[in-house]
Amino acid sequence: MKSCSSKLKEEAAILEVENIFDAVLMKITYDSDFTWVPFENASELREHIHMTVNGIKSRFINSLLDAELLFLVTGALQEHCLSNGWSDEYIKLADRFDKMHAYLSKSWEKLK
């Protein structure tokens, strides 16, 4: 059983992931270039992100893995940032995500 402190840290990490993806969503506009992005358009990518975040909030480990795939090198978000001029911000967001991903992965590993 998790301590109250552990639960609060987990909640904070989940909120941080949500904040990271909120910042990403601000960059995914309907006039974005999707030439190299493995999604057809902004609506499709935005919907995928919303589903992923909702899954993380419900503590679905597969959603955390989906989020990791989005942030991988040559993943959808890196391809989008390179095509749409927000590489510097992407690097900062990816770094923040990596830290939260590591924490949540370790925390949720105990649930298996």
N, C-alpha and C. Protein backbone atom coordinates (compact mmCIF):
# COMPACT_ATOMS: atom_id res chain seq x y z
N MET A 1 0.84 -1.18 0.00
CA MET A 1 0.00 0.00 0.00
C MET A 1 0.89 1.25 0.00
N LYS A 2 0.49 2.23 -0.78
CA LYS A 2 1.28 3.45 -0.88
C LYS A 2 0.99 4.38 0.28
N SER A 3 2.03 5.09 0.69
CA SER A 3 1.86 6.09 1.74
C SER A 3 1.16 7.31 1.16
N CYS A 4 0.68 8.14 2.04
CA CYS A 4 0.02 9.39 1.62
C CYS A 4 1.00 10.27 0.84
N SER A 5 2.24 10.30 1.31
CA SER A 5 3.27 11.08 0.64
C SER A 5 3.52 10.57 -0.78
N SER A 6 3.57 9.26 -0.95
CA SER A 6 3.79 8.67 -2.27
C SER A 6 2.62 8.99 -3.21
N LYS A 7 1.41 8.93 -2.68
CA LYS A 7 0.23 9.24 -3.49
C LYS A 7 0.25 10.70 -3.94
N LEU A 8 0.65 11.59 -3.04
CA LEU A 8 0.72 13.01 -3.40
C LEU A 8 1.79 13.26 -4.46
N LYS A 9 2.94 12.59 -4.34
CA LYS A 9 3.99 12.73 -5.35
C LYS A 9 3.53 12.19 -6.69
N GLU A 10 2.82 11.09 -6.67
CA GLU A 10 2.30 10.51 -7.91
C GLU A 10 1.28 11.46 -8.55
N GLU A 11 0.40 12.01 -7.75
CA GLU A 11 -0.58 12.97 -8.26
C GLU A 11 0.11 14.18 -8.87
N ALA A 12 1.15 14.66 -8.22
CA ALA A 12 1.91 15.81 -8.73
C ALA A 12 2.58 15.46 -10.06
N ALA A 13 3.11 14.25 -10.17
CA ALA A 13 3.75 13.82 -11.42
C ALA A 13 2.73 13.72 -12.54
N ILE A 14 1.56 13.18 -12.24
CA ILE A 14 0.50 13.08 -13.25
C ILE A 14 0.06 14.48 -13.69
N LEU A 15 -0.08 15.39 -12.75
CA LEU A 15 -0.45 16.77 -13.08
C LEU A 15 0.63 17.42 -13.95
N GLU A 16 1.89 17.15 -13.65
CA GLU A 16 2.98 17.70 -14.47
C GLU A 16 2.92 17.14 -15.89
N VAL A 17 2.64 15.86 -16.04
CA VAL A 17 2.49 15.27 -17.38
C VAL A 17 1.34 15.97 -18.12
N GLU A 18 0.24 16.19 -17.43
CA GLU A 18 -0.89 16.89 -18.03
C GLU A 18 -0.49 18.30 -18.46
N ASN A 19 0.27 19.00 -17.63
CA ASN A 19 0.73 20.36 -17.97
C ASN A 19 1.67 20.34 -19.18
N ILE A 20 2.53 19.34 -19.23
CA ILE A 20 3.44 19.21 -20.37
C ILE A 20 2.64 19.04 -21.66
N PHE A 21 1.66 18.15 -21.62
CA PHE A 21 0.86 17.92 -22.82
C PHE A 21 -0.03 19.12 -23.15
N ASP A 22 -0.45 19.88 -22.16
CA ASP A 22 -1.19 21.12 -22.45
C ASP A 22 -0.31 22.08 -23.25
N ALA A 23 0.96 22.17 -22.88
CA ALA A 23 1.90 23.03 -23.62
C ALA A 23 2.11 22.50 -25.03
N VAL A 24 2.18 21.20 -25.17
CA VAL A 24 2.31 20.59 -26.51
C VAL A 24 1.09 20.89 -27.36
N LEU A 25 -0.09 20.75 -26.77
CA LEU A 25 -1.32 20.99 -27.52
C LEU A 25 -1.40 22.42 -28.05
N MET A 26 -0.81 23.37 -27.34
CA MET A 26 -0.79 24.76 -27.80
C MET A 26 -0.01 24.90 -29.11
N LYS A 27 0.92 23.98 -29.35
CA LYS A 27 1.76 24.03 -30.55
C LYS A 27 1.15 23.30 -31.74
N ILE A 28 0.17 22.48 -31.49
CA ILE A 28 -0.44 21.69 -32.57
C ILE A 28 -1.66 22.45 -33.08
N THR A 29 -1.43 23.21 -34.13
CA THR A 29 -2.49 24.04 -34.69
C THR A 29 -3.00 23.42 -35.99
N TYR A 30 -4.13 23.90 -36.42
CA TYR A 30 -4.76 23.32 -37.61
C TYR A 30 -4.02 23.67 -38.90
N ASP A 31 -3.14 24.65 -38.84
CA ASP A 31 -2.33 24.97 -40.02
C ASP A 31 -0.91 24.39 -39.91
N SER A 32 -0.69 23.49 -38.94
CA SER A 32 0.61 22.84 -38.77
C SER A 32 0.95 21.98 -39.98
N ASP A 33 2.25 21.86 -40.21
CA ASP A 33 2.77 20.97 -41.27
C ASP A 33 2.84 19.55 -40.71
N PHE A 34 2.13 18.62 -41.33
CA PHE A 34 2.10 17.22 -40.90
C PHE A 34 2.78 16.28 -41.89
N THR A 35 3.64 16.83 -42.74
CA THR A 35 4.30 16.02 -43.76
C THR A 35 5.03 14.83 -43.17
N TRP A 36 5.78 15.00 -42.10
CA TRP A 36 6.59 13.92 -41.53
C TRP A 36 6.01 13.37 -40.23
N VAL A 37 4.84 13.80 -39.87
CA VAL A 37 4.21 13.37 -38.63
C VAL A 37 3.32 12.16 -38.93
N PRO A 38 3.39 11.11 -38.12
CA PRO A 38 2.60 9.90 -38.42
C PRO A 38 1.11 10.03 -38.07
N PHE A 39 0.59 11.23 -38.12
CA PHE A 39 -0.84 11.49 -37.95
C PHE A 39 -1.27 12.32 -39.14
N GLU A 40 -2.51 12.17 -39.54
CA GLU A 40 -3.00 12.86 -40.74
C GLU A 40 -3.13 14.37 -40.56
N ASN A 41 -3.55 14.78 -39.36
CA ASN A 41 -3.81 16.21 -39.16
C ASN A 41 -3.82 16.54 -37.66
N ALA A 42 -4.03 17.80 -37.36
CA ALA A 42 -4.02 18.26 -35.98
C ALA A 42 -5.10 17.59 -35.15
N SER A 43 -6.28 17.43 -35.70
CA SER A 43 -7.37 16.80 -34.94
C SER A 43 -7.01 15.40 -34.49
N GLU A 44 -6.42 14.63 -35.39
CA GLU A 44 -6.05 13.25 -35.07
C GLU A 44 -4.97 13.19 -33.97
N LEU A 45 -3.96 14.02 -34.08
CA LEU A 45 -2.90 14.04 -33.07
C LEU A 45 -3.42 14.57 -31.74
N ARG A 46 -4.21 15.62 -31.79
CA ARG A 46 -4.76 16.18 -30.56
C ARG A 46 -5.65 15.15 -29.85
N GLU A 47 -6.46 14.43 -30.59
CA GLU A 47 -7.32 13.40 -30.00
C GLU A 47 -6.48 12.30 -29.36
N HIS A 48 -5.42 11.89 -30.03
CA HIS A 48 -4.53 10.87 -29.48
C HIS A 48 -3.90 11.35 -28.17
N ILE A 49 -3.49 12.59 -28.14
CA ILE A 49 -2.90 13.15 -26.92
C ILE A 49 -3.92 13.18 -25.79
N HIS A 50 -5.14 13.63 -26.08
CA HIS A 50 -6.18 13.67 -25.05
C HIS A 50 -6.46 12.27 -24.49
N MET A 51 -6.55 11.28 -25.35
CA MET A 51 -6.78 9.91 -24.91
C MET A 51 -5.61 9.41 -24.06
N THR A 52 -4.40 9.74 -24.47
CA THR A 52 -3.21 9.33 -23.73
C THR A 52 -3.19 9.95 -22.34
N VAL A 53 -3.44 11.24 -22.26
CA VAL A 53 -3.44 11.93 -20.96
C VAL A 53 -4.55 11.38 -20.06
N ASN A 54 -5.72 11.15 -20.62
CA ASN A 54 -6.81 10.58 -19.82
C ASN A 54 -6.44 9.20 -19.29
N GLY A 55 -5.75 8.41 -20.11
CA GLY A 55 -5.29 7.10 -19.66
C GLY A 55 -4.28 7.21 -18.53
N ILE A 56 -3.37 8.17 -18.64
CA ILE A 56 -2.37 8.37 -17.58
C ILE A 56 -3.08 8.80 -16.29
N LYS A 57 -4.04 9.68 -16.41
CA LYS A 57 -4.79 10.11 -15.23
C LYS A 57 -5.54 8.94 -14.58
N SER A 58 -5.89 7.93 -15.37
CA SER A 58 -6.54 6.73 -14.85
C SER A 58 -5.53 5.65 -14.46
N ARG A 59 -4.25 6.01 -14.57
CA ARG A 59 -3.13 5.13 -14.18
C ARG A 59 -3.02 3.87 -15.05
N PHE A 60 -3.27 4.04 -16.35
CA PHE A 60 -3.07 2.94 -17.29
C PHE A 60 -1.62 2.99 -17.78
N ILE A 61 -0.86 1.97 -17.47
CA ILE A 61 0.56 1.93 -17.83
C ILE A 61 0.75 2.01 -19.35
N ASN A 62 -0.18 1.44 -20.11
CA ASN A 62 -0.07 1.50 -21.58
C ASN A 62 -0.16 2.94 -22.09
N SER A 63 -0.91 3.77 -21.41
CA SER A 63 -0.99 5.18 -21.81
C SER A 63 0.32 5.89 -21.54
N LEU A 64 0.99 5.51 -20.46
CA LEU A 64 2.31 6.08 -20.18
C LEU A 64 3.30 5.66 -21.26
N LEU A 65 3.19 4.43 -21.72
CA LEU A 65 4.04 3.95 -22.83
C LEU A 65 3.72 4.69 -24.12
N ASP A 66 2.44 4.95 -24.38
CA ASP A 66 2.05 5.74 -25.57
C ASP A 66 2.65 7.14 -25.51
N ALA A 67 2.62 7.74 -24.33
CA ALA A 67 3.20 9.07 -24.16
C ALA A 67 4.70 9.04 -24.43
N GLU A 68 5.35 7.99 -23.95
CA GLU A 68 6.79 7.85 -24.19
C GLU A 68 7.07 7.77 -25.69
N LEU A 69 6.24 7.03 -26.42
CA LEU A 69 6.43 6.92 -27.87
C LEU A 69 6.28 8.27 -28.57
N LEU A 70 5.37 9.09 -28.09
CA LEU A 70 5.19 10.41 -28.69
C LEU A 70 6.44 11.27 -28.55
N PHE A 71 7.16 11.11 -27.43
CA PHE A 71 8.34 11.92 -27.16
C PHE A 71 9.65 11.31 -27.65
N LEU A 72 9.62 10.09 -28.16
CA LEU A 72 10.86 9.47 -28.64
C LEU A 72 11.50 10.27 -29.78
N VAL A 73 12.82 10.09 -29.94
CA VAL A 73 13.50 10.68 -31.09
C VAL A 73 12.83 10.11 -32.34
N THR A 74 12.53 10.95 -33.27
CA THR A 74 11.75 10.67 -34.49
C THR A 74 10.31 10.27 -34.19
N GLY A 75 9.87 10.51 -32.96
CA GLY A 75 8.47 10.30 -32.62
C GLY A 75 7.63 11.44 -33.17
N ALA A 76 6.34 11.30 -33.02
CA ALA A 76 5.40 12.27 -33.60
C ALA A 76 5.65 13.70 -33.14
N LEU A 77 5.94 13.89 -31.86
CA LEU A 77 6.12 15.26 -31.37
C LEU A 77 7.42 15.88 -31.86
N GLN A 78 8.48 15.10 -31.92
CA GLN A 78 9.72 15.66 -32.45
C GLN A 78 9.57 15.99 -33.93
N GLU A 79 8.93 15.11 -34.67
CA GLU A 79 8.71 15.40 -36.09
C GLU A 79 7.87 16.67 -36.26
N HIS A 80 6.85 16.81 -35.42
CA HIS A 80 6.00 17.99 -35.50
C HIS A 80 6.79 19.26 -35.15
N CYS A 81 7.59 19.19 -34.09
CA CYS A 81 8.33 20.40 -33.68
C CYS A 81 9.34 20.81 -34.75
N LEU A 82 10.00 19.84 -35.36
CA LEU A 82 10.98 20.16 -36.40
C LEU A 82 10.32 20.79 -37.62
N SER A 83 9.12 20.33 -37.95
CA SER A 83 8.41 20.84 -39.13
C SER A 83 7.71 22.16 -38.86
N ASN A 84 7.57 22.51 -37.58
CA ASN A 84 6.75 23.67 -37.26
C ASN A 84 7.44 24.70 -36.35
N GLY A 85 8.76 24.58 -36.19
CA GLY A 85 9.54 25.64 -35.57
C GLY A 85 9.46 25.79 -34.06
N TRP A 86 9.29 24.71 -33.34
CA TRP A 86 9.29 24.83 -31.88
C TRP A 86 10.24 23.83 -31.22
N SER A 87 11.37 23.60 -31.85
CA SER A 87 12.36 22.63 -31.38
C SER A 87 12.91 22.95 -29.99
N ASP A 88 13.22 24.21 -29.74
CA ASP A 88 13.79 24.58 -28.43
C ASP A 88 12.80 24.27 -27.30
N GLU A 89 11.55 24.61 -27.51
CA GLU A 89 10.54 24.33 -26.49
C GLU A 89 10.31 22.82 -26.35
N TYR A 90 10.35 22.11 -27.47
CA TYR A 90 10.19 20.65 -27.43
C TYR A 90 11.25 20.01 -26.54
N ILE A 91 12.49 20.43 -26.68
CA ILE A 91 13.58 19.85 -25.88
C ILE A 91 13.30 20.04 -24.39
N LYS A 92 12.85 21.21 -24.00
CA LYS A 92 12.53 21.47 -22.59
C LYS A 92 11.36 20.62 -22.12
N LEU A 93 10.33 20.51 -22.95
CA LEU A 93 9.16 19.71 -22.58
C LEU A 93 9.53 18.22 -22.51
N ALA A 94 10.33 17.76 -23.45
CA ALA A 94 10.75 16.36 -23.45
C ALA A 94 11.58 16.04 -22.21
N ASP A 95 12.42 16.96 -21.80
CA ASP A 95 13.22 16.75 -20.59
C ASP A 95 12.31 16.64 -19.36
N ARG A 96 11.34 17.53 -19.27
CA ARG A 96 10.38 17.46 -18.15
C ARG A 96 9.61 16.16 -18.19
N PHE A 97 9.17 15.76 -19.40
CA PHE A 97 8.43 14.51 -19.52
C PHE A 97 9.29 13.31 -19.11
N ASP A 98 10.53 13.28 -19.56
CA ASP A 98 11.42 12.16 -19.22
C ASP A 98 11.51 11.96 -17.71
N LYS A 99 11.59 13.04 -16.96
CA LYS A 99 11.68 12.95 -15.50
C LYS A 99 10.39 12.38 -14.91
N MET A 100 9.26 12.85 -15.40
CA MET A 100 7.98 12.35 -14.89
C MET A 100 7.74 10.89 -15.31
N HIS A 101 8.14 10.59 -16.53
CA HIS A 101 8.00 9.22 -17.02
C HIS A 101 8.82 8.26 -16.15
N ALA A 102 10.05 8.63 -15.84
CA ALA A 102 10.91 7.79 -15.00
C ALA A 102 10.27 7.58 -13.62
N TYR A 103 9.76 8.65 -13.04
CA TYR A 103 9.14 8.55 -11.72
C TYR A 103 7.90 7.66 -11.76
N LEU A 104 7.00 7.93 -12.71
CA LEU A 104 5.76 7.16 -12.77
C LEU A 104 6.02 5.69 -13.15
N SER A 105 6.95 5.45 -14.03
CA SER A 105 7.27 4.08 -14.40
C SER A 105 7.73 3.28 -13.18
N LYS A 106 8.58 3.90 -12.40
CA LYS A 106 9.07 3.25 -11.18
C LYS A 106 7.93 3.04 -10.18
N SER A 107 7.12 4.06 -10.02
CA SER A 107 5.99 3.99 -9.07
C SER A 107 4.98 2.93 -9.50
N TRP A 108 4.67 2.90 -10.80
CA TRP A 108 3.65 1.97 -11.28
C TRP A 108 4.18 0.56 -11.46
N GLU A 109 5.48 0.40 -11.54
CA GLU A 109 6.09 -0.94 -11.64
C GLU A 109 5.66 -1.79 -10.45
N LYS A 110 5.49 -1.14 -9.31
CA LYS A 110 5.09 -1.86 -8.10
C LYS A 110 3.67 -2.39 -8.18
N LEU A 111 2.88 -1.84 -9.12
CA LEU A 111 1.49 -2.27 -9.27
C LEU A 111 1.33 -3.57 -10.04
N LYS A 112 2.39 -3.96 -10.74
CA LYS A 112 2.30 -5.16 -11.57
C LYS A 112 2.23 -6.41 -10.72
